[in-house]
Structures are given as C-alpha cells and as structure tokens.
Amino acid sequence: MIHDFLIIKDGLPLLFKNFSIAKNIFSESDSLIMVSGFFSALNSFSDSFEDLGTISELKLSNNELKLSFLKDSSIPNLIYIATYDDQSKPVNILRILRKMA
C-alpha cells in the first residue's frame, strides 16, 4: 500500500498527498522541505556518476516503510516519490509512479 506520494521539483515539494492514518516522515511542512531537498540532492549526486545509475529505492532502518523513486526525463529536476510498506511489490509501486508521471 502506498502511504505517501510526493513530487519534487528543483529540490522543493511540488505536491504531497498522504494516504495513511499513521504519522509519517512528511507530516510537517518543515520536514517536507528538508526531505525534498535531501532526496533531490541524493538524486543529483547519483546522476553525476554515470556508473552508479539513478536511485530507484531506499529503505530507512528505523521505519518499515520503503521509498520508491521515479525521475521524469521529459521534465528536468522532477522526481516522483512514494512511500510503501512490505506488503507491496516494488515493481507495482513503480508502475503506479509511471502512471502518475
């Protein structure tokens, strides 16, 4: 199940939607801005090294949620992010992100 959906443009949150009742990492506007900047910087870092490729998934150790990333090549500096739980398959989350893009 997708818990959160976030679109980042130029390091800032463009759109955010929460689909879960539980408190999340994006719950406060200050956190949302910091997280958006961090994920944008992380993607920029991985893009600067051709051998590394792009970031597609991330798992944080103190949370059971995973993050899936999709970078839209048609619009520069636009990143789609979804948080999801272990019950969802990453390929299905990526498919949903592609539809949203």
C-alpha atoms as a PDB file:
ATOM      1  CA  MET A   1       0.000   0.000   0.000  1.00  0.00           C
ATOM      2  CA  ILE A   2       1.246   3.463  -0.828  1.00  0.00           C
ATOM      3  CA  HIS A   3       1.328   5.642   2.279  1.00  0.00           C
ATOM      4  CA  ASP A   4       2.619   8.917   0.822  1.00  0.00           C
ATOM      5  CA  PHE A   5       3.097  10.416  -2.605  1.00  0.00           C
ATOM      6  CA  LEU A   6       5.462  13.329  -3.221  1.00  0.00           C
ATOM      7  CA  ILE A   7       6.529  15.237  -6.315  1.00  0.00           C
ATOM      8  CA  ILE A   8       9.720  17.284  -6.026  1.00  0.00           C
ATOM      9  CA  LYS A   9      10.812  19.959  -8.495  1.00  0.00           C
ATOM     10  CA  ASP A  10      14.138  21.742  -8.124  1.00  0.00           C
ATOM     11  CA  GLY A  11      14.537  20.439  -4.567  1.00  0.00           C
ATOM     12  CA  LEU A  12      11.172  21.748  -3.324  1.00  0.00           C
ATOM     13  CA  PRO A  13       7.920  19.870  -2.717  1.00  0.00           C
ATOM     14  CA  LEU A  14       5.530  20.486  -5.582  1.00  0.00           C
ATOM     15  CA  LEU A  15       2.744  18.125  -4.489  1.00  0.00           C
ATOM     16  CA  PHE A  16       2.245  15.942  -1.430  1.00  0.00           C
ATOM     17  CA  LYS A  17      -0.551  13.514  -0.587  1.00  0.00           C
ATOM     18  CA  ASN A  18      -0.832  11.246   2.454  1.00  0.00           C
ATOM     19  CA  PHE A  19      -2.960   8.091   2.155  1.00  0.00           C
ATOM     20  CA  SER A  20      -2.300   6.686   5.633  1.00  0.00           C
ATOM     21  CA  ILE A  21      -3.616   7.397   9.108  1.00  0.00           C
ATOM     22  CA  ALA A  22      -0.247   6.730  10.750  1.00  0.00           C
ATOM     23  CA  LYS A  23       2.183   9.606  11.279  1.00  0.00           C
ATOM     24  CA  ASN A  24       4.744   9.798   8.522  1.00  0.00           C
ATOM     25  CA  ILE A  25       8.118  11.397   7.820  1.00  0.00           C
ATOM     26  CA  PHE A  26       6.472  14.086   5.688  1.00  0.00           C
ATOM     27  CA  SER A  27       3.922  15.174   8.291  1.00  0.00           C
ATOM     28  CA  GLU A  28       5.203  18.695   8.947  1.00  0.00           C
ATOM     29  CA  SER A  29       5.917  21.343   6.328  1.00  0.00           C
ATOM     30  CA  ASP A  30       9.479  21.940   7.595  1.00  0.00           C
ATOM     31  CA  SER A  31      10.196  18.212   7.420  1.00  0.00           C
ATOM     32  CA  LEU A  32       8.694  18.058   3.950  1.00  0.00           C
ATOM     33  CA  ILE A  33      11.008  20.805   2.698  1.00  0.00           C
ATOM     34  CA  MET A  34      14.090  19.205   4.284  1.00  0.00           C
ATOM     35  CA  VAL A  35      13.220  15.734   2.979  1.00  0.00           C
ATOM     36  CA  SER A  36      12.560  17.120  -0.512  1.00  0.00           C
ATOM     37  CA  GLY A  37      15.916  18.868  -0.573  1.00  0.00           C
ATOM     38  CA  PHE A  38      17.697  15.753   0.687  1.00  0.00           C
ATOM     39  CA  PHE A  39      16.122  13.430  -1.888  1.00  0.00           C
ATOM     40  CA  SER A  40      16.773  15.919  -4.661  1.00  0.00           C
ATOM     41  CA  ALA A  41      20.429  16.210  -3.645  1.00  0.00           C
ATOM     42  CA  LEU A  42      20.734  12.431  -3.399  1.00  0.00           C
ATOM     43  CA  ASN A  43      19.356  12.041  -6.922  1.00  0.00           C
ATOM     44  CA  SER A  44      21.646  14.771  -8.257  1.00  0.00           C
ATOM     45  CA  PHE A  45      24.623  13.049  -6.655  1.00  0.00           C
ATOM     46  CA  SER A  46      23.803   9.701  -8.257  1.00  0.00           C
ATOM     47  CA  ASP A  47      23.239  11.380 -11.640  1.00  0.00           C
ATOM     48  CA  SER A  48      26.710  12.912 -11.560  1.00  0.00           C
ATOM     49  CA  PHE A  49      28.280   9.435 -11.709  1.00  0.00           C
ATOM     50  CA  GLU A  50      27.269   7.552 -14.842  1.00  0.00           C
ATOM     51  CA  ASP A  51      28.379   4.191 -13.428  1.00  0.00           C
ATOM     52  CA  LEU A  52      26.113   4.482 -10.369  1.00  0.00           C
ATOM     53  CA  GLY A  53      22.833   4.961 -12.226  1.00  0.00           C
ATOM     54  CA  THR A  54      19.768   6.500 -10.645  1.00  0.00           C
ATOM     55  CA  ILE A  55      18.224   5.807  -7.260  1.00  0.00           C
ATOM     56  CA  SER A  56      15.148   3.618  -7.522  1.00  0.00           C
ATOM     57  CA  GLU A  57      14.525   2.507  -3.911  1.00  0.00           C
ATOM     58  CA  LEU A  58      15.509   3.448  -0.392  1.00  0.00           C
ATOM     59  CA  LYS A  59      14.844   1.793   2.980  1.00  0.00           C
ATOM     60  CA  LEU A  60      15.395   3.575   6.266  1.00  0.00           C
ATOM     61  CA  SER A  61      16.407   1.423   9.239  1.00  0.00           C
ATOM     62  CA  ASN A  62      14.040   2.817  11.903  1.00  0.00           C
ATOM     63  CA  ASN A  63      10.921   2.528   9.789  1.00  0.00           C
ATOM     64  CA  GLU A  64       9.269  -0.339   7.951  1.00  0.00           C
ATOM     65  CA  LEU A  65       8.417   1.940   5.034  1.00  0.00           C
ATOM     66  CA  LYS A  66      10.365   1.886   1.798  1.00  0.00           C
ATOM     67  CA  LEU A  67      10.687   4.711  -0.707  1.00  0.00           C
ATOM     68  CA  SER A  68      10.444   4.312  -4.448  1.00  0.00           C
ATOM     69  CA  PHE A  69      11.812   6.986  -6.804  1.00  0.00           C
ATOM     70  CA  LEU A  70      10.994   7.839 -10.396  1.00  0.00           C
ATOM     71  CA  LYS A  71      12.744  10.606 -12.266  1.00  0.00           C
ATOM     72  CA  ASP A  72      10.829  12.096 -15.198  1.00  0.00           C
ATOM     73  CA  SER A  73      13.276  12.505 -18.065  1.00  0.00           C
ATOM     74  CA  SER A  74      10.897  14.768 -20.026  1.00  0.00           C
ATOM     75  CA  ILE A  75      10.870  17.409 -17.269  1.00  0.00           C
ATOM     76  CA  PRO A  76      14.260  18.269 -15.731  1.00  0.00           C
ATOM     77  CA  ASN A  77      14.611  18.198 -11.940  1.00  0.00           C
ATOM     78  CA  LEU A  78      11.246  16.480 -11.371  1.00  0.00           C
ATOM     79  CA  ILE A  79      11.186  13.469  -9.026  1.00  0.00           C
ATOM     80  CA  TYR A  80       8.220  11.290  -8.037  1.00  0.00           C
ATOM     81  CA  ILE A  81       8.467   9.522  -4.668  1.00  0.00           C
ATOM     82  CA  ALA A  82       6.133   7.041  -2.993  1.00  0.00           C
ATOM     83  CA  THR A  83       6.465   5.506   0.455  1.00  0.00           C
ATOM     84  CA  TYR A  84       5.076   1.995   0.782  1.00  0.00           C
ATOM     85  CA  ASP A  85       5.078  -0.994   3.110  1.00  0.00           C
ATOM     86  CA  ASP A  86       6.441  -4.535   2.813  1.00  0.00           C
ATOM     87  CA  GLN A  87       3.101  -5.862   1.569  1.00  0.00           C
ATOM     88  CA  SER A  88       3.551  -4.071  -1.768  1.00  0.00           C
ATOM     89  CA  LYS A  89       5.846  -5.170  -4.554  1.00  0.00           C
ATOM     90  CA  PRO A  90       8.342  -2.546  -5.727  1.00  0.00           C
ATOM     91  CA  VAL A  91       7.500  -3.217  -9.384  1.00  0.00           C
ATOM     92  CA  ASN A  92       3.833  -2.390  -8.729  1.00  0.00           C
ATOM     93  CA  ILE A  93       4.752   0.840  -6.944  1.00  0.00           C
ATOM     94  CA  LEU A  94       6.979   1.844  -9.855  1.00  0.00           C
ATOM     95  CA  ARG A  95       4.128   1.131 -12.265  1.00  0.00           C
ATOM     96  CA  ILE A  96       1.857   3.451 -10.264  1.00  0.00           C
ATOM     97  CA  LEU A  97       4.543   6.158 -10.224  1.00  0.00           C
ATOM     98  CA  ARG A  98       4.849   5.887 -14.013  1.00  0.00           C
ATOM     99  CA  LYS A  99       1.089   6.321 -14.389  1.00  0.00           C
ATOM    100  CA  MET A 100       1.184   9.363 -12.124  1.00  0.00           C
ATOM    101  CA  ALA A 101       4.027  10.846 -14.159  1.00  0.00           C
END
